[in-house]
Amino acid sequence: MKTGDSATEGKQITAKSLVPFLIMTFGIAWGILALYILLTDQMTAIFGQLTGDHPLFFLAVYAPAIAAFIIILHKTGVGGLQRYLTRLLLWRCSRYWYAFLLIGLPLVFYMGSAWKGTLFSDPFPFSSAGALVTALLLGIIKGPVEEFGWRGFAQPVLQRTFAPVWAASIIGIVWGFWHLPAFLLSGTQQSAWSFGPFFAGTIAISLIMTQLFNASRGSILLSALMHFQLMNPIWPDAQPYDTYILIVVAVIVVGLNRTRMFSRAGSVTQIIPDAEGDVATGDQ
């Protein structure tokens, strides 16, 4: 087994590693959902109806993380994977980002719901405190796990070649397209949404999250927190108006940080922190 020496990571995990990453990410997720689309009766008879809380749906959602873990473990060994996971402990970032995560994002959904006209008409969807806690726990262990793959793995690799704005756009396009089969299946949350606004939203969210990712020196924790806030079951239904607001937010974030977003200088390019916990950044 390799020791996971971060000094040799660049030689081990190169841009070519994105190929198996995407093959596994799409293969696992699309494979599961394709079976339910093409063999609906057979899959339902064996595994039950596919819903957003079904174990197979969780497996599909976990595909980016599974792919990242496999490649990192293969290329750098257990030691490399352990150091990669320490990026979950990175929490230092500007107080403005914390204000955005904890206050700004909820406001996006309340504003979107008001725009939609459902702010006061939709009832609170939980019948008990237990149901609320269960929904929150499921939200924490589902979507945010994707960030081990998208931001934790793909983002640093792409930023070795592209400025953050272009790396974010690539991930946003791939990320949006990766969700497509969920829009074709009844029982999933996405089946009630329009794909066009959602797809535009994934690019906007990727742009915002990329700036947060680089500002936090590659924190997977804060990327996961943002992902959770975007799907927090407490917030009111605002689709697709929340997406329109997020697009405006993305334009503002890119505009305010245009120097950093359009330059590789200072962008995180290392997947595995060194022994001191630091990550390499792009060309100065």
C-alpha atoms as a PDB file:
ATOM      1  CA  MET A   1       0.000   0.000   0.000  1.00  0.00           C
ATOM      2  CA  LYS A   2       1.108   3.517  -0.707  1.00  0.00           C
ATOM      3  CA  THR A   3       1.721   5.781   2.252  1.00  0.00           C
ATOM      4  CA  GLY A   4      -0.315   8.717   0.936  1.00  0.00           C
ATOM      5  CA  ASP A   5       2.633  11.136   0.846  1.00  0.00           C
ATOM      6  CA  SER A   6       1.091  14.418  -0.311  1.00  0.00           C
ATOM      7  CA  ALA A   7       4.373  15.453  -1.904  1.00  0.00           C
ATOM      8  CA  THR A   8       3.816  12.873  -4.614  1.00  0.00           C
ATOM      9  CA  GLU A   9       0.051  13.375  -4.895  1.00  0.00           C
ATOM     10  CA  GLY A  10       0.363  15.427  -8.077  1.00  0.00           C
ATOM     11  CA  LYS A  11       2.041  12.492  -9.801  1.00  0.00           C
ATOM     12  CA  GLN A  12      -0.557  10.034  -8.505  1.00  0.00           C
ATOM     13  CA  ILE A  13      -3.847  11.911  -8.794  1.00  0.00           C
ATOM     14  CA  THR A  14      -3.721  13.763 -12.086  1.00  0.00           C
ATOM     15  CA  ALA A  15      -6.352  15.138 -14.440  1.00  0.00           C
ATOM     16  CA  LYS A  16      -6.637  11.641 -15.902  1.00  0.00           C
ATOM     17  CA  SER A  17      -8.126  10.525 -12.580  1.00  0.00           C
ATOM     18  CA  LEU A  18     -11.253  12.495 -13.479  1.00  0.00           C
ATOM     19  CA  VAL A  19     -12.081   9.835 -16.084  1.00  0.00           C
ATOM     20  CA  PRO A  20     -12.551   6.923 -13.646  1.00  0.00           C
ATOM     21  CA  PHE A  21     -14.136   9.366 -11.186  1.00  0.00           C
ATOM     22  CA  LEU A  22     -16.833  10.292 -13.691  1.00  0.00           C
ATOM     23  CA  ILE A  23     -17.275   6.716 -14.901  1.00  0.00           C
ATOM     24  CA  MET A  24     -17.937   5.503 -11.352  1.00  0.00           C
ATOM     25  CA  THR A  25     -20.023   8.554 -10.417  1.00  0.00           C
ATOM     26  CA  PHE A  26     -22.327   8.191 -13.405  1.00  0.00           C
ATOM     27  CA  GLY A  27     -22.129   4.393 -13.536  1.00  0.00           C
ATOM     28  CA  ILE A  28     -23.391   3.872  -9.977  1.00  0.00           C
ATOM     29  CA  ALA A  29     -26.066   6.575  -9.970  1.00  0.00           C
ATOM     30  CA  TRP A  30     -27.323   6.228 -13.528  1.00  0.00           C
ATOM     31  CA  GLY A  31     -27.104   2.432 -13.347  1.00  0.00           C
ATOM     32  CA  ILE A  32     -29.435   2.263 -10.351  1.00  0.00           C
ATOM     33  CA  LEU A  33     -31.891   4.815 -11.729  1.00  0.00           C
ATOM     34  CA  ALA A  34     -31.804   3.305 -15.235  1.00  0.00           C
ATOM     35  CA  LEU A  35     -32.825  -0.071 -13.840  1.00  0.00           C
ATOM     36  CA  TYR A  36     -35.831   1.551 -12.179  1.00  0.00           C
ATOM     37  CA  ILE A  37     -36.720   3.409 -15.378  1.00  0.00           C
ATOM     38  CA  LEU A  38     -36.329   0.438 -17.730  1.00  0.00           C
ATOM     39  CA  LEU A  39     -37.365  -2.387 -15.386  1.00  0.00           C
ATOM     40  CA  THR A  40     -39.805  -0.585 -13.123  1.00  0.00           C
ATOM     41  CA  ASP A  41     -42.022  -3.524 -12.202  1.00  0.00           C
ATOM     42  CA  GLN A  42     -39.161  -5.961 -11.633  1.00  0.00           C
ATOM     43  CA  MET A  43     -37.087  -3.552  -9.518  1.00  0.00           C
ATOM     44  CA  THR A  44     -40.126  -2.492  -7.495  1.00  0.00           C
ATOM     45  CA  ALA A  45     -41.059  -6.113  -6.845  1.00  0.00           C
ATOM     46  CA  ILE A  46     -37.554  -6.930  -5.589  1.00  0.00           C
ATOM     47  CA  PHE A  47     -36.447  -3.725  -3.836  1.00  0.00           C
ATOM     48  CA  GLY A  48     -39.662  -1.766  -3.370  1.00  0.00           C
ATOM     49  CA  GLN A  49     -40.674   1.580  -4.847  1.00  0.00           C
ATOM     50  CA  LEU A  50     -37.817   4.019  -5.246  1.00  0.00           C
ATOM     51  CA  THR A  51     -38.209   7.174  -3.178  1.00  0.00           C
ATOM     52  CA  GLY A  52     -35.845   9.842  -1.952  1.00  0.00           C
ATOM     53  CA  ASP A  53     -35.379   7.879   1.278  1.00  0.00           C
ATOM     54  CA  HIS A  54     -34.770   4.461  -0.315  1.00  0.00           C
ATOM     55  CA  PRO A  55     -31.344   2.879   0.418  1.00  0.00           C
ATOM     56  CA  LEU A  56     -30.661   2.497  -3.310  1.00  0.00           C
ATOM     57  CA  PHE A  57     -31.353   6.195  -3.817  1.00  0.00           C
ATOM     58  CA  PHE A  58     -28.860   6.953  -1.054  1.00  0.00           C
ATOM     59  CA  LEU A  59     -26.331   4.722  -2.836  1.00  0.00           C
ATOM     60  CA  ALA A  60     -26.903   6.662  -6.065  1.00  0.00           C
ATOM     61  CA  VAL A  61     -26.435   9.978  -4.244  1.00  0.00           C
ATOM     62  CA  TYR A  62     -23.240   8.712  -2.608  1.00  0.00           C
ATOM     63  CA  ALA A  63     -21.697   7.856  -6.003  1.00  0.00           C
ATOM     64  CA  PRO A  64     -19.361  10.923  -6.219  1.00  0.00           C
ATOM     65  CA  ALA A  65     -18.044  10.265  -2.713  1.00  0.00           C
ATOM     66  CA  ILE A  66     -17.590   6.544  -3.366  1.00  0.00           C
ATOM     67  CA  ALA A  67     -15.670   7.294  -6.559  1.00  0.00           C
ATOM     68  CA  ALA A  68     -13.420   9.808  -4.791  1.00  0.00           C
ATOM     69  CA  PHE A  69     -12.701   7.444  -1.891  1.00  0.00           C
ATOM     70  CA  ILE A  70     -11.806   4.569  -4.226  1.00  0.00           C
ATOM     71  CA  ILE A  71      -9.405   6.647  -6.331  1.00  0.00           C
ATOM     72  CA  ILE A  72      -7.719   8.303  -3.336  1.00  0.00           C
ATOM     73  CA  LEU A  73      -7.341   4.974  -1.536  1.00  0.00           C
ATOM     74  CA  HIS A  74      -5.930   3.325  -4.660  1.00  0.00           C
ATOM     75  CA  LYS A  75      -3.532   6.148  -5.468  1.00  0.00           C
ATOM     76  CA  THR A  76      -2.351   7.216  -2.013  1.00  0.00           C
ATOM     77  CA  GLY A  77      -3.297   4.428   0.385  1.00  0.00           C
ATOM     78  CA  VAL A  78      -4.985   4.517   3.763  1.00  0.00           C
ATOM     79  CA  GLY A  79      -2.738   7.334   4.993  1.00  0.00           C
ATOM     80  CA  GLY A  80      -3.704   9.538   2.082  1.00  0.00           C
ATOM     81  CA  LEU A  81      -7.386   8.869   2.600  1.00  0.00           C
ATOM     82  CA  GLN A  82      -7.094   9.696   6.301  1.00  0.00           C
ATOM     83  CA  ARG A  83      -5.435  13.039   5.555  1.00  0.00           C
ATOM     84  CA  TYR A  84      -8.018  13.767   2.880  1.00  0.00           C
ATOM     85  CA  LEU A  85     -10.763  13.294   5.482  1.00  0.00           C
ATOM     86  CA  THR A  86      -9.117  15.884   7.756  1.00  0.00           C
ATOM     87  CA  ARG A  87     -10.508  18.486   5.354  1.00  0.00           C
ATOM     88  CA  LEU A  88     -13.790  17.872   7.170  1.00  0.00           C
ATOM     89  CA  LEU A  89     -12.173  19.660  10.108  1.00  0.00           C
ATOM     90  CA  LEU A  90     -11.432  22.852   8.167  1.00  0.00           C
ATOM     91  CA  TRP A  91     -13.887  25.465   9.371  1.00  0.00           C
ATOM     92  CA  ARG A  92     -12.057  28.791   9.332  1.00  0.00           C
ATOM     93  CA  CYS A  93     -13.593  31.262   6.925  1.00  0.00           C
ATOM     94  CA  SER A  94     -14.794  34.843   6.795  1.00  0.00           C
ATOM     95  CA  ARG A  95     -17.726  35.697   9.056  1.00  0.00           C
ATOM     96  CA  TYR A  96     -19.494  36.965   5.947  1.00  0.00           C
ATOM     97  CA  TRP A  97     -19.580  33.449   4.543  1.00  0.00           C
ATOM     98  CA  TYR A  98     -21.028  32.136   7.796  1.00  0.00           C
ATOM     99  CA  ALA A  99     -23.655  34.870   7.662  1.00  0.00           C
ATOM    100  CA  PHE A 100     -24.501  33.799   4.119  1.00  0.00           C
ATOM    101  CA  LEU A 101     -24.709  30.106   5.068  1.00  0.00           C
ATOM    102  CA  LEU A 102     -26.761  30.583   8.228  1.00  0.00           C
ATOM    103  CA  ILE A 103     -28.883  33.620   7.335  1.00  0.00           C
ATOM    104  CA  GLY A 104     -28.532  34.381   3.631  1.00  0.00           C
ATOM    105  CA  LEU A 105     -29.506  30.970   2.280  1.00  0.00           C
ATOM    106  CA  PRO A 106     -32.650  30.654   4.429  1.00  0.00           C
ATOM    107  CA  LEU A 107     -33.649  34.125   3.198  1.00  0.00           C
ATOM    108  CA  VAL A 108     -33.281  32.895  -0.385  1.00  0.00           C
ATOM    109  CA  PHE A 109     -35.932  30.245   0.248  1.00  0.00           C
ATOM    110  CA  TYR A 110     -38.299  32.527   2.144  1.00  0.00           C
ATOM    111  CA  MET A 111     -37.990  35.182  -0.559  1.00  0.00           C
ATOM    112  CA  GLY A 112     -38.498  32.560  -3.258  1.00  0.00           C
ATOM    113  CA  SER A 113     -41.548  31.165  -1.484  1.00  0.00           C
ATOM    114  CA  ALA A 114     -43.005  34.659  -1.143  1.00  0.00           C
ATOM    115  CA  TRP A 115     -42.381  35.225  -4.863  1.00  0.00           C
ATOM    116  CA  LYS A 116     -44.092  31.908  -5.601  1.00  0.00           C
ATOM    117  CA  GLY A 117     -47.036  32.873  -3.416  1.00  0.00           C
ATOM    118  CA  THR A 118     -46.781  29.876  -1.088  1.00  0.00           C
ATOM    119  CA  LEU A 119     -45.094  31.457   1.940  1.00  0.00           C
ATOM    120  CA  PHE A 120     -48.271  31.467   4.037  1.00  0.00           C
ATOM    121  CA  SER A 121     -50.352  28.904   2.156  1.00  0.00           C
ATOM    122  CA  ASP A 122     -48.188  25.769   2.529  1.00  0.00           C
ATOM    123  CA  PRO A 123     -48.551  24.055   5.924  1.00  0.00           C
ATOM    124  CA  PHE A 124     -45.509  23.060   7.969  1.00  0.00           C
ATOM    125  CA  PRO A 125     -44.749  19.586   6.526  1.00  0.00           C
ATOM    126  CA  PHE A 126     -43.950  17.859   9.837  1.00  0.00           C
ATOM    127  CA  SER A 127     -46.579  16.386  12.127  1.00  0.00           C
ATOM    128  CA  SER A 128     -44.262  15.934  15.105  1.00  0.00           C
ATOM    129  CA  ALA A 129     -40.855  16.821  16.497  1.00  0.00           C
ATOM    130  CA  GLY A 130     -39.730  13.269  15.765  1.00  0.00           C
ATOM    131  CA  ALA A 131     -40.643  13.597  12.095  1.00  0.00           C
ATOM    132  CA  LEU A 132     -38.719  16.884  11.906  1.00  0.00           C
ATOM    133  CA  VAL A 133     -35.601  15.412  13.535  1.00  0.00           C
ATOM    134  CA  THR A 134     -35.744  12.381  11.225  1.00  0.00           C
ATOM    135  CA  ALA A 135     -36.004  14.606   8.147  1.00  0.00           C
ATOM    136  CA  LEU A 136     -33.060  16.726   9.316  1.00  0.00           C
ATOM    137  CA  LEU A 137     -30.898  13.662   9.984  1.00  0.00           C
ATOM    138  CA  LEU A 138     -31.714  12.179   6.581  1.00  0.00           C
ATOM    139  CA  GLY A 139     -30.882  15.532   4.988  1.00  0.00           C
ATOM    140  CA  ILE A 140     -27.517  15.642   6.741  1.00  0.00           C
ATOM    141  CA  ILE A 141     -26.451  12.152   5.645  1.00  0.00           C
ATOM    142  CA  LYS A 142     -27.730  12.343   2.068  1.00  0.00           C
ATOM    143  CA  GLY A 143     -26.985  15.248  -0.304  1.00  0.00           C
ATOM    144  CA  PRO A 144     -24.036  16.791   1.595  1.00  0.00           C
ATOM    145  CA  VAL A 145     -22.064  13.551   1.170  1.00  0.00           C
ATOM    146  CA  GLU A 146     -21.787  14.357  -2.548  1.00  0.00           C
ATOM    147  CA  GLU A 147     -19.301  17.087  -1.659  1.00  0.00           C
ATOM    148  CA  PHE A 148     -16.570  14.539  -0.915  1.00  0.00           C
ATOM    149  CA  GLY A 149     -16.571  14.031  -4.674  1.00  0.00           C
ATOM    150  CA  TRP A 150     -17.563  17.303  -6.330  1.00  0.00           C
ATOM    151  CA  ARG A 151     -15.696  19.841  -4.218  1.00  0.00           C
ATOM    152  CA  GLY A 152     -13.432  17.478  -2.291  1.00  0.00           C
ATOM    153  CA  PHE A 153     -11.982  15.759  -5.360  1.00  0.00           C
ATOM    154  CA  ALA A 154     -13.015  17.216  -8.723  1.00  0.00           C
ATOM    155  CA  GLN A 155     -12.658  20.895  -7.791  1.00  0.00           C
ATOM    156  CA  PRO A 156      -8.944  20.814  -6.828  1.00  0.00           C
ATOM    157  CA  VAL A 157      -8.060  18.686  -9.853  1.00  0.00           C
ATOM    158  CA  LEU A 158      -9.829  21.021 -12.286  1.00  0.00           C
ATOM    159  CA  GLN A 159      -8.297  24.109 -10.670  1.00  0.00           C
ATOM    160  CA  ARG A 160      -4.831  22.851 -11.573  1.00  0.00           C
ATOM    161  CA  THR A 161      -5.737  23.703 -15.176  1.00  0.00           C
ATOM    162  CA  PHE A 162      -8.663  26.120 -15.066  1.00  0.00           C
ATOM    163  CA  ALA A 163      -9.433  29.332 -13.204  1.00  0.00           C
ATOM    164  CA  PRO A 164     -12.077  28.789 -10.505  1.00  0.00           C
ATOM    165  CA  VAL A 165     -14.900  30.309 -12.556  1.00  0.00           C
ATOM    166  CA  TRP A 166     -14.339  27.762 -15.349  1.00  0.00           C
ATOM    167  CA  ALA A 167     -13.741  24.848 -12.979  1.00  0.00           C
ATOM    168  CA  ALA A 168     -16.993  25.750 -11.226  1.00  0.00           C
ATOM    169  CA  SER A 169     -18.872  25.963 -14.525  1.00  0.00           C
ATOM    170  CA  ILE A 170     -17.614  22.536 -15.610  1.00  0.00           C
ATOM    171  CA  ILE A 171     -18.605  20.948 -12.309  1.00  0.00           C
ATOM    172  CA  GLY A 172     -21.977  22.721 -12.364  1.00  0.00           C
ATOM    173  CA  ILE A 173     -22.776  21.377 -15.835  1.00  0.00           C
ATOM    174  CA  VAL A 174     -21.679  17.829 -14.975  1.00  0.00           C
ATOM    175  CA  TRP A 175     -23.423  17.988 -11.601  1.00  0.00           C
ATOM    176  CA  GLY A 176     -26.689  19.148 -13.153  1.00  0.00           C
ATOM    177  CA  PHE A 177     -26.598  16.552 -15.923  1.00  0.00           C
ATOM    178  CA  TRP A 178     -25.801  13.824 -13.363  1.00  0.00           C
ATOM    179  CA  HIS A 179     -29.189  14.487 -11.697  1.00  0.00           C
ATOM    180  CA  LEU A 180     -31.163  14.022 -14.937  1.00  0.00           C
ATOM    181  CA  PRO A 181     -32.482  10.452 -14.359  1.00  0.00           C
ATOM    182  CA  ALA A 182     -34.060  11.532 -11.037  1.00  0.00           C
ATOM    183  CA  PHE A 183     -36.351  13.848 -13.035  1.00  0.00           C
ATOM    184  CA  LEU A 184     -37.685  10.847 -14.963  1.00  0.00           C
ATOM    185  CA  LEU A 185     -38.734   8.823 -11.915  1.00  0.00           C
ATOM    186  CA  SER A 186     -41.905   9.297  -9.909  1.00  0.00           C
ATOM    187  CA  GLY A 187     -41.283   9.163  -6.182  1.00  0.00           C
ATOM    188  CA  THR A 188     -38.215  11.387  -6.289  1.00  0.00           C
ATOM    189  CA  GLN A 189     -38.286  15.027  -5.254  1.00  0.00           C
ATOM    190  CA  GLN A 190     -36.894  16.104  -8.615  1.00  0.00           C
ATOM    191  CA  SER A 191     -39.794  14.498 -10.519  1.00  0.00           C
ATOM    192  CA  ALA A 192     -41.978  17.474  -9.531  1.00  0.00           C
ATOM    193  CA  TRP A 193     -39.460  20.057 -10.738  1.00  0.00           C
ATOM    194  CA  SER A 194     -38.509  21.472 -14.136  1.00  0.00           C
ATOM    195  CA  PHE A 195     -35.053  20.386 -15.247  1.00  0.00           C
ATOM    196  CA  GLY A 196     -34.131  23.658 -16.994  1.00  0.00           C
ATOM    197  CA  PRO A 197     -34.172  25.931 -13.933  1.00  0.00           C
ATOM    198  CA  PHE A 198     -32.595  23.187 -11.820  1.00  0.00           C
ATOM    199  CA  PHE A 199     -29.741  22.786 -14.326  1.00  0.00           C
ATOM    200  CA  ALA A 200     -29.097  26.534 -14.354  1.00  0.00           C
ATOM    201  CA  GLY A 201     -29.216  26.429 -10.580  1.00  0.00           C
ATOM    202  CA  THR A 202     -26.500  23.794 -10.294  1.00  0.00           C
ATOM    203  CA  ILE A 203     -24.135  26.037 -12.264  1.00  0.00           C
ATOM    204  CA  ALA A 204     -25.020  29.051 -10.096  1.00  0.00           C
ATOM    205  CA  ILE A 205     -24.594  27.044  -6.887  1.00  0.00           C
ATOM    206  CA  SER A 206     -21.285  25.654  -8.130  1.00  0.00           C
ATOM    207  CA  LEU A 207     -19.988  29.179  -8.741  1.00  0.00           C
ATOM    208  CA  ILE A 208     -20.966  30.285  -5.231  1.00  0.00           C
ATOM    209  CA  MET A 209     -19.630  27.141  -3.588  1.00  0.00           C
ATOM    210  CA  THR A 210     -16.330  27.378  -5.457  1.00  0.00           C
ATOM    211  CA  GLN A 211     -15.582  30.778  -3.962  1.00  0.00           C
ATOM    212  CA  LEU A 212     -16.538  29.455  -0.515  1.00  0.00           C
ATOM    213  CA  PHE A 213     -14.342  26.386  -1.089  1.00  0.00           C
ATOM    214  CA  ASN A 214     -11.266  28.426  -1.984  1.00  0.00           C
ATOM    215  CA  ALA A 215     -11.896  31.027   0.731  1.00  0.00           C
ATOM    216  CA  SER A 216     -11.984  28.223   3.319  1.00  0.00           C
ATOM    217  CA  ARG A 217      -8.759  26.627   1.985  1.00  0.00           C
ATOM    218  CA  GLY A 218     -10.544  23.564   0.626  1.00  0.00           C
ATOM    219  CA  SER A 219     -13.021  22.854   3.417  1.00  0.00           C
ATOM    220  CA  ILE A 220     -15.304  19.930   2.644  1.00  0.00           C
ATOM    221  CA  LEU A 221     -17.217  20.736   5.831  1.00  0.00           C
ATOM    222  CA  LEU A 222     -18.396  24.165   4.671  1.00  0.00           C
ATOM    223  CA  SER A 223     -19.245  22.872   1.184  1.00  0.00           C
ATOM    224  CA  ALA A 224     -21.343  20.143   2.828  1.00  0.00           C
ATOM    225  CA  LEU A 225     -22.991  22.719   5.099  1.00  0.00           C
ATOM    226  CA  MET A 226     -23.977  24.823   2.112  1.00  0.00           C
ATOM    227  CA  HIS A 227     -25.309  21.728   0.340  1.00  0.00           C
ATOM    228  CA  PHE A 228     -27.388  20.869   3.402  1.00  0.00           C
ATOM    229  CA  GLN A 229     -28.799  24.381   3.647  1.00  0.00           C
ATOM    230  CA  LEU A 230     -29.880  24.144   0.012  1.00  0.00           C
ATOM    231  CA  MET A 231     -31.971  21.052   0.798  1.00  0.00           C
ATOM    232  CA  ASN A 232     -32.856  21.774   4.435  1.00  0.00           C
ATOM    233  CA  PRO A 233     -36.411  20.404   4.896  1.00  0.00           C
ATOM    234  CA  ILE A 234     -37.315  23.262   7.226  1.00  0.00           C
ATOM    235  CA  TRP A 235     -37.177  25.891   4.482  1.00  0.00           C
ATOM    236  CA  PRO A 236     -40.392  26.483   2.508  1.00  0.00           C
ATOM    237  CA  ASP A 237     -40.883  25.184  -1.018  1.00  0.00           C
ATOM    238  CA  ALA A 238     -39.648  27.863  -3.394  1.00  0.00           C
ATOM    239  CA  GLN A 239     -38.880  25.981  -6.628  1.00  0.00           C
ATOM    240  CA  PRO A 240     -38.022  27.385  -9.127  1.00  0.00           C
ATOM    241  CA  TYR A 241     -37.930  30.917  -7.708  1.00  0.00           C
ATOM    242  CA  ASP A 242     -35.163  30.109  -5.245  1.00  0.00           C
ATOM    243  CA  THR A 243     -33.085  29.137  -8.271  1.00  0.00           C
ATOM    244  CA  TYR A 244     -33.634  32.518  -9.908  1.00  0.00           C
ATOM    245  CA  ILE A 245     -32.471  34.256  -6.731  1.00  0.00           C
ATOM    246  CA  LEU A 246     -29.411  31.988  -6.486  1.00  0.00           C
ATOM    247  CA  ILE A 247     -28.459  32.915 -10.056  1.00  0.00           C
ATOM    248  CA  VAL A 248     -28.481  36.579  -9.024  1.00  0.00           C
ATOM    249  CA  VAL A 249     -26.411  35.717  -5.940  1.00  0.00           C
ATOM    250  CA  ALA A 250     -23.905  33.849  -8.122  1.00  0.00           C
ATOM    251  CA  VAL A 251     -23.507  36.864 -10.406  1.00  0.00           C
ATOM    252  CA  ILE A 252     -22.879  39.062  -7.360  1.00  0.00           C
ATOM    253  CA  VAL A 253     -20.358  36.600  -5.846  1.00  0.00           C
ATOM    254  CA  VAL A 254     -18.424  36.310  -9.102  1.00  0.00           C
ATOM    255  CA  GLY A 255     -18.505  40.073  -9.578  1.00  0.00           C
ATOM    256  CA  LEU A 256     -17.256  40.833  -6.079  1.00  0.00           C
ATOM    257  CA  ASN A 257     -14.527  38.192  -6.344  1.00  0.00           C
ATOM    258  CA  ARG A 258     -13.755  38.511 -10.051  1.00  0.00           C
ATOM    259  CA  THR A 259      -9.986  38.798  -9.543  1.00  0.00           C
ATOM    260  CA  ARG A 260      -9.841  35.505  -7.656  1.00  0.00           C
ATOM    261  CA  MET A 261     -12.495  33.758  -9.725  1.00  0.00           C
ATOM    262  CA  PHE A 262     -10.765  34.460 -13.026  1.00  0.00           C
ATOM    263  CA  SER A 263      -7.239  33.649 -11.819  1.00  0.00           C
ATOM    264  CA  ARG A 264      -5.722  30.396 -10.606  1.00  0.00           C
ATOM    265  CA  ALA A 265      -3.673  32.276  -8.020  1.00  0.00           C
ATOM    266  CA  GLY A 266      -4.735  31.189  -4.564  1.00  0.00           C
ATOM    267  CA  SER A 267      -7.163  28.489  -5.690  1.00  0.00           C
ATOM    268  CA  VAL A 268      -6.944  25.128  -3.914  1.00  0.00           C
ATOM    269  CA  THR A 269      -5.313  22.499  -6.128  1.00  0.00           C
ATOM    270  CA  GLN A 270      -4.302  19.797  -3.652  1.00  0.00           C
ATOM    271  CA  ILE A 271      -6.646  17.007  -2.620  1.00  0.00           C
ATOM    272  CA  ILE A 272      -4.642  15.656   0.296  1.00  0.00           C
ATOM    273  CA  PRO A 273      -3.275  18.102   2.908  1.00  0.00           C
ATOM    274  CA  ASP A 274       0.383  17.794   3.835  1.00  0.00           C
ATOM    275  CA  ALA A 275       1.566  16.694   7.255  1.00  0.00           C
ATOM    276  CA  GLU A 276       0.908  20.201   8.634  1.00  0.00           C
ATOM    277  CA  GLY A 277      -2.633  20.213   7.237  1.00  0.00           C
ATOM    278  CA  ASP A 278      -1.929  22.734   4.458  1.00  0.00           C
ATOM    279  CA  VAL A 279      -3.154  22.441   0.873  1.00  0.00           C
ATOM    280  CA  ALA A 280      -1.320  23.633  -2.225  1.00  0.00           C
ATOM    281  CA  THR A 281      -2.752  26.507  -4.233  1.00  0.00           C
ATOM    282  CA  GLY A 282      -2.581  27.560  -7.857  1.00  0.00           C
ATOM    283  CA  ASP A 283       0.050  29.671  -9.601  1.00  0.00           C
ATOM    284  CA  GLN A 284       0.840  32.910  -7.855  1.00  0.00           C
END
